[in-house]
C-alpha atoms as a PDB file:
ATOM      1  CA  MET A   1     101.096 108.024  86.548  1.00  0.00           C
ATOM      2  CA  GLN A   2      99.481 109.111  89.802  1.00  0.00           C
ATOM      3  CA  LEU A   3     101.109 110.170  93.063  1.00  0.00           C
ATOM      4  CA  SER A   4      98.488 108.190  94.999  1.00  0.00           C
ATOM      5  CA  ASP A   5     100.013 104.987  93.607  1.00  0.00           C
ATOM      6  CA  PHE A   6     103.168 105.542  95.678  1.00  0.00           C
ATOM      7  CA  ASN A   7     101.836 105.432  99.188  1.00  0.00           C
ATOM      8  CA  TYR A   8     102.302 103.286 102.277  1.00  0.00           C
ATOM      9  CA  VAL A   9     101.537 103.557 105.983  1.00  0.00           C
ATOM     10  CA  LEU A  10     104.485 104.822 108.056  1.00  0.00           C
ATOM     11  CA  PRO A  11     103.782 104.551 111.789  1.00  0.00           C
ATOM     12  CA  GLU A  12     104.998 107.535 113.805  1.00  0.00           C
ATOM     13  CA  GLU A  13     107.074 105.296 116.073  1.00  0.00           C
ATOM     14  CA  ARG A  14     109.137 104.072 113.117  1.00  0.00           C
ATOM     15  CA  ILE A  15     110.452 107.551 112.329  1.00  0.00           C
ATOM     16  CA  ALA A  16     113.967 107.964 113.765  1.00  0.00           C
ATOM     17  CA  LYS A  17     113.902 111.087 115.913  1.00  0.00           C
ATOM     18  CA  PHE A  18     117.523 110.734 117.019  1.00  0.00           C
ATOM     19  CA  PRO A  19     120.689 109.351 115.401  1.00  0.00           C
ATOM     20  CA  PRO A  20     122.106 105.917 116.310  1.00  0.00           C
ATOM     21  CA  ALA A  21     124.237 105.914 119.458  1.00  0.00           C
ATOM     22  CA  GLU A  22     127.321 105.373 117.289  1.00  0.00           C
ATOM     23  CA  ARG A  23     127.755 106.699 113.762  1.00  0.00           C
ATOM     24  CA  GLY A  24     127.844 103.807 111.310  1.00  0.00           C
ATOM     25  CA  LYS A  25     125.857 101.416 113.513  1.00  0.00           C
ATOM     26  CA  ALA A  26     122.803 101.331 111.309  1.00  0.00           C
ATOM     27  CA  GLY A  27     120.916  98.603 109.544  1.00  0.00           C
ATOM     28  CA  LEU A  28     121.276  98.053 105.812  1.00  0.00           C
ATOM     29  CA  LEU A  29     118.560  96.368 103.788  1.00  0.00           C
ATOM     30  CA  VAL A  30     120.052  95.096 100.534  1.00  0.00           C
ATOM     31  CA  LEU A  31     117.602  94.973  97.622  1.00  0.00           C
ATOM     32  CA  GLY A  32     118.263  93.312  94.262  1.00  0.00           C
ATOM     33  CA  ARG A  33     116.429  95.568  91.840  1.00  0.00           C
ATOM     34  CA  ARG A  34     116.145  92.898  89.153  1.00  0.00           C
ATOM     35  CA  SER A  35     115.461  89.871  91.358  1.00  0.00           C
ATOM     36  CA  GLY A  36     113.547  91.655  94.105  1.00  0.00           C
ATOM     37  CA  THR A  37     115.474  89.687  96.739  1.00  0.00           C
ATOM     38  CA  VAL A  38     116.008  91.229 100.154  1.00  0.00           C
ATOM     39  CA  ALA A  39     118.867  90.670 102.609  1.00  0.00           C
ATOM     40  CA  HIS A  40     119.350  92.192 106.055  1.00  0.00           C
ATOM     41  CA  ARG A  41     122.845  93.488 106.781  1.00  0.00           C
ATOM     42  CA  GLN A  42     124.704  96.256 108.612  1.00  0.00           C
ATOM     43  CA  TYR A  43     125.755  99.564 107.044  1.00  0.00           C
ATOM     44  CA  SER A  44     129.435  98.651 107.367  1.00  0.00           C
ATOM     45  CA  GLU A  45     128.858  95.591 105.168  1.00  0.00           C
ATOM     46  CA  LEU A  46     128.409  97.814 102.133  1.00  0.00           C
ATOM     47  CA  ILE A  47     132.020  97.018 101.247  1.00  0.00           C
ATOM     48  CA  ASN A  48     131.088  93.378 100.562  1.00  0.00           C
ATOM     49  CA  TYR A  49     128.914  94.416  97.612  1.00  0.00           C
ATOM     50  CA  LEU A  50     131.536  96.507  95.816  1.00  0.00           C
ATOM     51  CA  LYS A  51     134.497  95.434  93.699  1.00  0.00           C
ATOM     52  CA  PRO A  52     137.920  96.961  92.943  1.00  0.00           C
ATOM     53  CA  ASN A  53     137.690  99.831  90.415  1.00  0.00           C
ATOM     54  CA  ASP A  54     134.042 100.440  91.195  1.00  0.00           C
ATOM     55  CA  VAL A  55     133.337 104.111  91.944  1.00  0.00           C
ATOM     56  CA  VAL A  56     131.527 105.450  95.008  1.00  0.00           C
ATOM     57  CA  VAL A  57     130.323 109.061  94.812  1.00  0.00           C
ATOM     58  CA  LEU A  58     129.718 111.162  97.948  1.00  0.00           C
ATOM     59  CA  ASN A  59     128.078 114.563  98.420  1.00  0.00           C
ATOM     60  CA  ASN A  60     130.483 116.738 100.439  1.00  0.00           C
ATOM     61  CA  THR A  61     128.029 119.574 101.066  1.00  0.00           C
ATOM     62  CA  LYS A  62     127.938 121.026 104.574  1.00  0.00           C
ATOM     63  CA  VAL A  63     124.718 121.842 106.410  1.00  0.00           C
ATOM     64  CA  ILE A  64     124.655 125.380 107.758  1.00  0.00           C
ATOM     65  CA  LYS A  65     122.999 126.298 111.055  1.00  0.00           C
ATOM     66  CA  ALA A  66     120.233 127.870 109.063  1.00  0.00           C
ATOM     67  CA  ARG A  67     117.642 128.440 111.806  1.00  0.00           C
ATOM     68  CA  LEU A  68     117.988 131.937 113.282  1.00  0.00           C
ATOM     69  CA  ILE A  69     115.907 133.628 115.988  1.00  0.00           C
ATOM     70  CA  ALA A  70     115.847 137.401 115.633  1.00  0.00           C
ATOM     71  CA  LYS A  71     114.161 140.084 117.742  1.00  0.00           C
ATOM     72  CA  ASN A  72     112.028 142.822 116.260  1.00  0.00           C
ATOM     73  CA  GLN A  73     111.979 146.334 117.682  1.00  0.00           C
ATOM     74  CA  ALA A  74     109.195 145.338 120.104  1.00  0.00           C
ATOM     75  CA  GLY A  75     111.387 142.533 121.471  1.00  0.00           C
ATOM     76  CA  GLN A  76     109.323 139.769 119.861  1.00  0.00           C
ATOM     77  CA  ASP A  77     110.953 136.650 118.418  1.00  0.00           C
ATOM     78  CA  ARG A  78     110.932 136.163 114.653  1.00  0.00           C
ATOM     79  CA  GLU A  79     112.224 132.881 113.236  1.00  0.00           C
ATOM     80  CA  LEU A  80     114.230 132.952 110.024  1.00  0.00           C
ATOM     81  CA  LEU A  81     115.324 129.852 108.146  1.00  0.00           C
ATOM     82  CA  LEU A  82     117.997 130.595 105.563  1.00  0.00           C
ATOM     83  CA  LEU A  83     117.493 128.870 102.232  1.00  0.00           C
ATOM     84  CA  GLU A  84     120.171 126.796 100.501  1.00  0.00           C
ATOM     85  CA  TYR A  85     122.964 128.567  98.648  1.00  0.00           C
ATOM     86  CA  HIS A  86     123.258 128.864  94.858  1.00  0.00           C
ATOM     87  CA  ALA A  87     125.951 130.074  92.479  1.00  0.00           C
ATOM     88  CA  HIS A  88     124.298 133.489  92.129  1.00  0.00           C
ATOM     89  CA  ASP A  89     124.417 134.071  95.902  1.00  0.00           C
ATOM     90  CA  SER A  90     127.569 136.176  95.665  1.00  0.00           C
ATOM     91  CA  ASP A  91     126.590 138.694  98.360  1.00  0.00           C
ATOM     92  CA  SER A  92     127.057 136.938 101.698  1.00  0.00           C
ATOM     93  CA  HIS A  93     125.209 139.761 103.481  1.00  0.00           C
ATOM     94  CA  SER A  94     121.941 139.302 101.593  1.00  0.00           C
ATOM     95  CA  HIS A  95     119.922 136.103 101.312  1.00  0.00           C
ATOM     96  CA  LYS A  96     116.452 134.588 101.087  1.00  0.00           C
ATOM     97  CA  ALA A  97     114.853 132.974 104.125  1.00  0.00           C
ATOM     98  CA  LEU A  98     111.605 131.400 105.223  1.00  0.00           C
ATOM     99  CA  TYR A  99     110.036 133.280 108.121  1.00  0.00           C
ATOM    100  CA  HIS A 100     107.523 132.688 110.905  1.00  0.00           C
ATOM    101  CA  GLY A 101     105.651 135.561 112.466  1.00  0.00           C
ATOM    102  CA  HIS A 102     104.592 138.880 110.953  1.00  0.00           C
ATOM    103  CA  LEU A 103     107.216 140.861 109.029  1.00  0.00           C
ATOM    104  CA  ARG A 104     106.989 143.962 106.870  1.00  0.00           C
ATOM    105  CA  GLU A 105     109.344 145.433 104.300  1.00  0.00           C
ATOM    106  CA  GLY A 106     111.908 147.782 105.797  1.00  0.00           C
ATOM    107  CA  GLU A 107     111.513 146.287 109.271  1.00  0.00           C
ATOM    108  CA  LEU A 108     114.631 146.099 111.416  1.00  0.00           C
ATOM    109  CA  LEU A 109     115.566 142.925 113.305  1.00  0.00           C
ATOM    110  CA  LYS A 110     118.458 142.084 115.563  1.00  0.00           C
ATOM    111  CA  ILE A 111     120.439 138.969 116.494  1.00  0.00           C
ATOM    112  CA  GLN A 112     122.723 139.964 119.362  1.00  0.00           C
ATOM    113  CA  THR A 113     124.756 142.844 117.842  1.00  0.00           C
ATOM    114  CA  THR A 114     123.925 141.972 114.225  1.00  0.00           C
ATOM    115  CA  LYS A 115     121.297 144.124 112.505  1.00  0.00           C
ATOM    116  CA  LEU A 116     119.015 142.653 109.846  1.00  0.00           C
ATOM    117  CA  THR A 117     116.770 144.519 107.439  1.00  0.00           C
ATOM    118  CA  VAL A 118     113.736 143.024 105.720  1.00  0.00           C
ATOM    119  CA  GLU A 119     114.451 144.066 102.134  1.00  0.00           C
ATOM    120  CA  GLU A 120     111.524 142.359 100.400  1.00  0.00           C
ATOM    121  CA  ILE A 121     108.547 140.144 101.191  1.00  0.00           C
ATOM    122  CA  ILE A 122     108.697 137.757  98.241  1.00  0.00           C
ATOM    123  CA  GLY A 123     105.658 135.624  99.043  1.00  0.00           C
ATOM    124  CA  ASN A 124     104.963 132.001  99.973  1.00  0.00           C
ATOM    125  CA  GLY A 125     106.626 132.604 103.320  1.00  0.00           C
ATOM    126  CA  VAL A 126     109.911 133.773 101.780  1.00  0.00           C
ATOM    127  CA  VAL A 127     111.669 137.034 102.572  1.00  0.00           C
ATOM    128  CA  GLU A 128     114.871 138.708 101.375  1.00  0.00           C
ATOM    129  CA  ILE A 129     117.001 139.886 104.287  1.00  0.00           C
ATOM    130  CA  ASN A 130     120.121 142.022 104.480  1.00  0.00           C
ATOM    131  CA  SER A 131     122.609 141.696 107.317  1.00  0.00           C
ATOM    132  CA  THR A 132     125.391 143.860 108.696  1.00  0.00           C
ATOM    133  CA  ASP A 133     127.380 140.616 109.145  1.00  0.00           C
ATOM    134  CA  ASP A 134     128.227 137.776 106.766  1.00  0.00           C
ATOM    135  CA  LEU A 135     125.156 135.513 107.027  1.00  0.00           C
ATOM    136  CA  LEU A 136     127.157 132.270 106.858  1.00  0.00           C
ATOM    137  CA  LYS A 137     129.286 133.459 109.759  1.00  0.00           C
ATOM    138  CA  LEU A 138     126.189 134.651 111.619  1.00  0.00           C
ATOM    139  CA  ALA A 139     124.551 131.248 111.147  1.00  0.00           C
ATOM    140  CA  ALA A 140     127.664 129.437 112.353  1.00  0.00           C
ATOM    141  CA  ARG A 141     127.792 131.672 115.420  1.00  0.00           C
ATOM    142  CA  SER A 142     124.137 132.111 116.355  1.00  0.00           C
ATOM    143  CA  GLY A 143     122.085 129.607 114.371  1.00  0.00           C
ATOM    144  CA  THR A 144     120.880 126.099 115.078  1.00  0.00           C
ATOM    145  CA  VAL A 145     120.651 122.996 112.891  1.00  0.00           C
ATOM    146  CA  PRO A 146     117.494 123.002 110.720  1.00  0.00           C
ATOM    147  CA  LEU A 147     116.132 119.560 111.601  1.00  0.00           C
ATOM    148  CA  PRO A 148     113.400 118.173 109.323  1.00  0.00           C
ATOM    149  CA  PRO A 149     109.895 119.147 110.505  1.00  0.00           C
ATOM    150  CA  TYR A 150     108.833 115.538 111.071  1.00  0.00           C
ATOM    151  CA  MET A 151     111.298 115.191 113.969  1.00  0.00           C
ATOM    152  CA  LYS A 152     109.043 117.578 115.904  1.00  0.00           C
ATOM    153  CA  ARG A 153     111.819 118.837 118.160  1.00  0.00           C
ATOM    154  CA  THR A 154     114.449 121.534 118.323  1.00  0.00           C
ATOM    155  CA  ALA A 155     118.062 120.714 117.568  1.00  0.00           C
ATOM    156  CA  SER A 156     120.467 119.755 120.343  1.00  0.00           C
ATOM    157  CA  GLU A 157     124.249 119.919 120.555  1.00  0.00           C
ATOM    158  CA  GLN A 158     124.295 116.294 119.401  1.00  0.00           C
ATOM    159  CA  ASP A 159     122.582 117.301 116.164  1.00  0.00           C
ATOM    160  CA  THR A 160     125.298 119.835 115.395  1.00  0.00           C
ATOM    161  CA  GLU A 161     127.646 116.901 114.888  1.00  0.00           C
ATOM    162  CA  ARG A 162     125.310 114.142 113.774  1.00  0.00           C
ATOM    163  CA  TYR A 163     123.110 116.015 111.270  1.00  0.00           C
ATOM    164  CA  GLN A 164     126.289 116.435 109.273  1.00  0.00           C
ATOM    165  CA  THR A 165     128.438 113.940 107.384  1.00  0.00           C
ATOM    166  CA  GLU A 166     131.961 113.248 108.611  1.00  0.00           C
ATOM    167  CA  PHE A 167     133.346 114.476 105.294  1.00  0.00           C
ATOM    168  CA  ALA A 168     131.241 117.657 104.949  1.00  0.00           C
ATOM    169  CA  LYS A 169     133.320 120.432 103.402  1.00  0.00           C
ATOM    170  CA  LYS A 170     131.415 123.052 101.384  1.00  0.00           C
ATOM    171  CA  ALA A 171     128.822 125.028 103.339  1.00  0.00           C
ATOM    172  CA  GLY A 172     125.473 125.726 101.704  1.00  0.00           C
ATOM    173  CA  SER A 173     122.872 123.035 102.491  1.00  0.00           C
ATOM    174  CA  VAL A 174     119.880 123.366 104.775  1.00  0.00           C
ATOM    175  CA  ALA A 175     119.240 119.616 104.847  1.00  0.00           C
ATOM    176  CA  ALA A 176     121.717 116.765 105.143  1.00  0.00           C
ATOM    177  CA  PRO A 177     122.534 114.199 102.452  1.00  0.00           C
ATOM    178  CA  THR A 178     121.109 111.636 104.846  1.00  0.00           C
ATOM    179  CA  ALA A 179     122.266 108.408 103.184  1.00  0.00           C
ATOM    180  CA  SER A 180     125.806 109.383 104.201  1.00  0.00           C
ATOM    181  CA  LEU A 181     125.118 110.294 107.816  1.00  0.00           C
ATOM    182  CA  ASN A 182     126.320 106.797 108.765  1.00  0.00           C
ATOM    183  CA  PHE A 183     129.209 106.782 106.273  1.00  0.00           C
ATOM    184  CA  THR A 184     132.451 107.090 108.240  1.00  0.00           C
ATOM    185  CA  ASN A 185     135.939 108.119 107.227  1.00  0.00           C
ATOM    186  CA  ALA A 186     137.048 104.690 108.483  1.00  0.00           C
ATOM    187  CA  LEU A 187     134.698 103.015 106.005  1.00  0.00           C
ATOM    188  CA  ARG A 188     136.065 105.225 103.235  1.00  0.00           C
ATOM    189  CA  LYS A 189     139.597 104.042 104.018  1.00  0.00           C
ATOM    190  CA  LYS A 190     138.464 100.409 103.920  1.00  0.00           C
ATOM    191  CA  LEU A 191     136.809 100.927 100.544  1.00  0.00           C
ATOM    192  CA  GLU A 192     139.896 102.582  99.122  1.00  0.00           C
ATOM    193  CA  ALA A 193     142.134  99.838 100.547  1.00  0.00           C
ATOM    194  CA  LYS A 194     140.042  97.335  98.574  1.00  0.00           C
ATOM    195  CA  GLY A 195     140.689  99.276  95.378  1.00  0.00           C
ATOM    196  CA  ILE A 196     137.328 101.034  95.263  1.00  0.00           C
ATOM    197  CA  ILE A 197     137.537 104.607  93.997  1.00  0.00           C
ATOM    198  CA  VAL A 198     135.793 107.137  96.269  1.00  0.00           C
ATOM    199  CA  VAL A 199     135.123 110.595  94.817  1.00  0.00           C
ATOM    200  CA  ASP A 200     133.137 113.679  95.787  1.00  0.00           C
ATOM    201  CA  LEU A 201     130.724 116.169  94.321  1.00  0.00           C
ATOM    202  CA  THR A 202     128.723 119.002  95.882  1.00  0.00           C
ATOM    203  CA  LEU A 203     124.972 119.501  95.776  1.00  0.00           C
ATOM    204  CA  HIS A 204     123.531 122.050  98.201  1.00  0.00           C
ATOM    205  CA  VAL A 205     120.375 120.386  99.490  1.00  0.00           C
ATOM    206  CA  GLY A 206     117.386 122.683  99.781  1.00  0.00           C
ATOM    207  CA  LEU A 207     114.221 122.775 101.859  1.00  0.00           C
ATOM    208  CA  GLY A 208     112.411 121.719  98.722  1.00  0.00           C
ATOM    209  CA  THR A 209     113.484 118.194  99.532  1.00  0.00           C
ATOM    210  CA  PHE A 210     110.785 118.235 102.265  1.00  0.00           C
ATOM    211  CA  LEU A 211     108.054 119.907 100.231  1.00  0.00           C
ATOM    212  CA  PRO A 212     105.118 117.645  99.406  1.00  0.00           C
ATOM    213  CA  ILE A 213     104.130 116.960  95.820  1.00  0.00           C
ATOM    214  CA  ARG A 214     100.914 118.961  95.467  1.00  0.00           C
ATOM    215  CA  VAL A 215      99.591 117.389  92.254  1.00  0.00           C
ATOM    216  CA  ASN A 216      98.392 113.830  91.698  1.00  0.00           C
ATOM    217  CA  ASP A 217      99.497 113.838  88.052  1.00  0.00           C
ATOM    218  CA  LEU A 218     103.269 113.426  88.334  1.00  0.00           C
ATOM    219  CA  THR A 219     103.897 115.021  84.954  1.00  0.00           C
ATOM    220  CA  GLN A 220     102.632 118.320  86.395  1.00  0.00           C
ATOM    221  CA  HIS A 221     105.079 118.484  89.316  1.00  0.00           C
ATOM    222  CA  LYS A 222     107.769 121.152  89.077  1.00  0.00           C
ATOM    223  CA  MET A 223     110.985 120.144  90.840  1.00  0.00           C
ATOM    224  CA  HIS A 224     112.992 122.693  92.831  1.00  0.00           C
ATOM    225  CA  SER A 225     116.542 123.408  91.633  1.00  0.00           C
ATOM    226  CA  GLU A 226     119.716 122.893  93.652  1.00  0.00           C
ATOM    227  CA  TYR A 227     123.224 124.116  92.919  1.00  0.00           C
ATOM    228  CA  PHE A 228     125.867 121.498  92.153  1.00  0.00           C
ATOM    229  CA  GLU A 229     129.567 121.213  91.379  1.00  0.00           C
ATOM    230  CA  ILE A 230     131.252 118.088  89.986  1.00  0.00           C
ATOM    231  CA  PRO A 231     135.071 118.259  89.938  1.00  0.00           C
ATOM    232  CA  VAL A 232     136.795 117.091  86.767  1.00  0.00           C
ATOM    233  CA  ALA A 233     138.488 114.303  88.765  1.00  0.00           C
ATOM    234  CA  THR A 234     135.056 112.907  89.631  1.00  0.00           C
ATOM    235  CA  VAL A 235     133.859 113.290  86.039  1.00  0.00           C
ATOM    236  CA  MET A 236     136.822 111.364  84.673  1.00  0.00           C
ATOM    237  CA  ALA A 237     136.681 108.640  87.350  1.00  0.00           C
ATOM    238  CA  ILE A 238     133.039 107.963  86.458  1.00  0.00           C
ATOM    239  CA  ARG A 239     133.659 108.123  82.722  1.00  0.00           C
ATOM    240  CA  LYS A 240     136.551 105.668  82.978  1.00  0.00           C
ATOM    241  CA  ALA A 241     134.519 103.285  85.143  1.00  0.00           C
ATOM    242  CA  LYS A 242     131.537 103.314  82.780  1.00  0.00           C
ATOM    243  CA  GLN A 243     133.756 102.701  79.763  1.00  0.00           C
ATOM    244  CA  ALA A 244     135.452  99.755  81.509  1.00  0.00           C
ATOM    245  CA  GLY A 245     132.208  98.188  82.742  1.00  0.00           C
ATOM    246  CA  HIS A 246     132.722  98.953  86.428  1.00  0.00           C
ATOM    247  CA  LYS A 247     129.860 100.039  88.672  1.00  0.00           C
ATOM    248  CA  VAL A 248     129.031 103.527  89.941  1.00  0.00           C
ATOM    249  CA  THR A 249     127.418 103.752  93.378  1.00  0.00           C
ATOM    250  CA  ALA A 250     125.571 106.945  94.294  1.00  0.00           C
ATOM    251  CA  MET A 251     125.564 107.593  98.026  1.00  0.00           C
ATOM    252  CA  GLY A 252     122.079 109.005  98.286  1.00  0.00           C
ATOM    253  CA  THR A 253     119.389 110.637  96.207  1.00  0.00           C
ATOM    254  CA  THR A 254     121.260 113.957  96.150  1.00  0.00           C
ATOM    255  CA  VAL A 255     124.194 112.310  94.377  1.00  0.00           C
ATOM    256  CA  THR A 256     121.853 110.368  92.098  1.00  0.00           C
ATOM    257  CA  ARG A 257     120.005 113.407  90.810  1.00  0.00           C
ATOM    258  CA  THR A 258     123.240 115.344  90.333  1.00  0.00           C
ATOM    259  CA  LEU A 259     124.854 112.578  88.279  1.00  0.00           C
ATOM    260  CA  GLU A 260     121.752 111.907  86.219  1.00  0.00           C
ATOM    261  CA  PHE A 261     121.155 115.610  85.554  1.00  0.00           C
ATOM    262  CA  ALA A 262     124.727 115.989  84.257  1.00  0.00           C
ATOM    263  CA  ALA A 263     124.911 112.539  82.624  1.00  0.00           C
ATOM    264  CA  SER A 264     125.575 113.622  79.046  1.00  0.00           C
ATOM    265  CA  LYS A 265     128.418 115.945  80.048  1.00  0.00           C
ATOM    266  CA  ILE A 266     129.909 113.346  82.379  1.00  0.00           C
ATOM    267  CA  LEU A 267     129.936 110.697  79.672  1.00  0.00           C
ATOM    268  CA  ASN A 268     130.759 112.756  76.587  1.00  0.00           C
ATOM    269  CA  GLY A 269     131.610 116.344  77.477  1.00  0.00           C
ATOM    270  CA  PRO A 270     134.951 118.146  77.719  1.00  0.00           C
ATOM    271  CA  LYS A 271     137.325 117.264  80.549  1.00  0.00           C
ATOM    272  CA  GLN A 272     136.341 120.036  82.938  1.00  0.00           C
ATOM    273  CA  ASP A 273     134.598 120.833  86.197  1.00  0.00           C
ATOM    274  CA  LEU A 274     130.817 120.831  85.884  1.00  0.00           C
ATOM    275  CA  LEU A 275     128.454 123.163  87.718  1.00  0.00           C
ATOM    276  CA  GLY A 276     124.878 124.247  87.401  1.00  0.00           C
ATOM    277  CA  GLU A 277     121.362 123.962  88.807  1.00  0.00           C
ATOM    278  CA  ALA A 278     119.888 120.459  88.966  1.00  0.00           C
ATOM    279  CA  ASP A 279     116.107 120.378  88.711  1.00  0.00           C
ATOM    280  CA  ILE A 280     115.593 116.849  87.399  1.00  0.00           C
ATOM    281  CA  PHE A 281     112.502 115.003  88.662  1.00  0.00           C
ATOM    282  CA  ILE A 282     113.127 111.260  88.553  1.00  0.00           C
ATOM    283  CA  TYR A 283     110.096 109.004  88.807  1.00  0.00           C
ATOM    284  CA  PRO A 284     109.170 105.552  87.408  1.00  0.00           C
ATOM    285  CA  GLY A 285     109.781 105.321  83.689  1.00  0.00           C
ATOM    286  CA  TYR A 286     113.113 107.135  83.873  1.00  0.00           C
ATOM    287  CA  THR A 287     116.148 105.389  82.359  1.00  0.00           C
ATOM    288  CA  PHE A 288     119.287 105.757  84.498  1.00  0.00           C
ATOM    289  CA  LYS A 289     122.427 106.660  82.582  1.00  0.00           C
ATOM    290  CA  ILE A 290     125.134 106.828  85.245  1.00  0.00           C
ATOM    291  CA  VAL A 291     124.044 105.194  88.496  1.00  0.00           C
ATOM    292  CA  ASP A 292     124.349 101.396  88.818  1.00  0.00           C
ATOM    293  CA  HIS A 293     123.907 101.088  92.596  1.00  0.00           C
ATOM    294  CA  MET A 294     122.182 103.431  95.025  1.00  0.00           C
ATOM    295  CA  LEU A 295     122.494 103.683  98.795  1.00  0.00           C
ATOM    296  CA  THR A 296     119.557 105.552 100.242  1.00  0.00           C
ATOM    297  CA  ASN A 297     117.433 105.851 103.368  1.00  0.00           C
ATOM    298  CA  PHE A 298     113.805 104.820 103.809  1.00  0.00           C
ATOM    299  CA  HIS A 299     111.680 107.708 102.585  1.00  0.00           C
ATOM    300  CA  ALA A 300     108.332 109.267 103.409  1.00  0.00           C
ATOM    301  CA  PRO A 301     105.206 108.222 101.495  1.00  0.00           C
ATOM    302  CA  LYS A 302     104.482 110.130  98.272  1.00  0.00           C
ATOM    303  CA  SER A 303     107.845 111.951  98.371  1.00  0.00           C
ATOM    304  CA  THR A 304     110.074 112.801  95.418  1.00  0.00           C
ATOM    305  CA  VAL A 305     112.873 110.702  96.894  1.00  0.00           C
ATOM    306  CA  LEU A 306     110.601 107.683  97.286  1.00  0.00           C
ATOM    307  CA  LEU A 307     109.629 108.087  93.628  1.00  0.00           C
ATOM    308  CA  MET A 308     113.318 108.129  92.670  1.00  0.00           C
ATOM    309  CA  ALA A 309     113.893 104.876  94.539  1.00  0.00           C
ATOM    310  CA  ALA A 310     110.840 103.398  92.799  1.00  0.00           C
ATOM    311  CA  ALA A 311     112.215 104.515  89.436  1.00  0.00           C
ATOM    312  CA  PHE A 312     115.494 102.758  90.206  1.00  0.00           C
ATOM    313  CA  ALA A 313     114.202  99.480  91.626  1.00  0.00           C
ATOM    314  CA  GLY A 314     110.559  99.307  90.570  1.00  0.00           C
ATOM    315  CA  TRP A 315     107.653 100.180  92.830  1.00  0.00           C
ATOM    316  CA  GLN A 316     106.741  96.549  93.464  1.00  0.00           C
ATOM    317  CA  ASN A 317     110.264  95.815  94.731  1.00  0.00           C
ATOM    318  CA  ILE A 318     110.397  98.991  96.820  1.00  0.00           C
ATOM    319  CA  SER A 319     106.974  98.334  98.314  1.00  0.00           C
ATOM    320  CA  HIS A 320     107.994  94.783  99.260  1.00  0.00           C
ATOM    321  CA  ALA A 321     111.317  95.971 100.719  1.00  0.00           C
ATOM    322  CA  TYR A 322     109.582  98.668 102.795  1.00  0.00           C
ATOM    323  CA  GLU A 323     107.133  96.085 104.114  1.00  0.00           C
ATOM    324  CA  GLU A 324     110.091  93.893 105.107  1.00  0.00           C
ATOM    325  CA  ALA A 325     111.790  96.873 106.761  1.00  0.00           C
ATOM    326  CA  LEU A 326     108.687  97.693 108.790  1.00  0.00           C
ATOM    327  CA  ASN A 327     108.363  94.058 109.872  1.00  0.00           C
ATOM    328  CA  LYS A 328     112.043  93.938 110.902  1.00  0.00           C
ATOM    329  CA  ASP A 329     111.941  97.145 112.972  1.00  0.00           C
ATOM    330  CA  TYR A 330     114.098  99.305 110.707  1.00  0.00           C
ATOM    331  CA  GLN A 331     114.075 103.016 111.490  1.00  0.00           C
ATOM    332  CA  PHE A 332     112.906 105.385 108.750  1.00  0.00           C
ATOM    333  CA  LEU A 333     113.809 108.824 107.367  1.00  0.00           C
ATOM    334  CA  SER A 334     116.878 111.002 107.958  1.00  0.00           C
ATOM    335  CA  TYR A 335     118.339 109.477 111.126  1.00  0.00           C
ATOM    336  CA  GLY A 336     117.174 105.985 110.272  1.00  0.00           C
ATOM    337  CA  ASP A 337     118.577 102.865 108.642  1.00  0.00           C
ATOM    338  CA  SER A 338     119.539 102.548 104.998  1.00  0.00           C
ATOM    339  CA  MET A 339     118.866 100.521 101.878  1.00  0.00           C
ATOM    340  CA  PHE A 340     121.415  99.463  99.277  1.00  0.00           C
ATOM    341  CA  ILE A 341     119.867  98.879  95.874  1.00  0.00           C
ATOM    342  CA  LEU A 342     121.994  96.930  93.415  1.00  0.00           C
END
């Protein structure tokens, strides 16, 4: 299977550079993955496609203000972009970051009164830094939102709120779980009032989500790993739903890969919290074990997330749906409209 098979033309003007004026006011293309039928709805109409005792799973990760501008001893700016957090990141004063500009090991940097030391140049644009302050607190105080590169702009105050879900709780991501950017707490209450069970998990989304696949042979692609936690309450809600024949809806590709990575433990393991590093690469030919419905955004050509959508609905259906979306003026990528695949 070749990466070049999963391509389409995405005009620059169809990429959403800013969020909708009001959270939740986004389009929703509904795709039947078996029939291939397409319907045009609004995001808030998701509730009409779910039944009592179905389970909706959200990713409650919180995006950190990962982009930091430090000064070197000559007063020159050096950009640091903190990487996502993992279970082994126990020292909050030391962390890996991408960097722009020349750095050398042992170099001293400064952000206001905070001193940073370049501990190690790891390679591939990654550096290990040590800080006199807690880096999460430093990011919250002095950092900016790490918008995806394709937006081609710096983050504004609006992005601080909108490049974050309303239910974000556990800090550690450097990219948002974008399918939920239009999911509101009001919609959650409506779902629960209908008898739909809404549960959470955590997957800290990494910059790897934006990295291009650099091989044409998909079997040769190595997926980045991301730290996840699934509470036992979520495990048991999903297990009960699957046993009773109810549907599980994954709100986004981050939730999908977490659930599918941990599928065997969710379905058959001990009743306990689950945590680990998810590095599953889902592309056409994969058999889904947990997820029955997926809500996701419109993705970039040749991306891992587009391949996941194609695995779930079939490339022919996805290609047709994307063509419909382009013809109907849907907005694409992180701040854009969404697709519900059922």
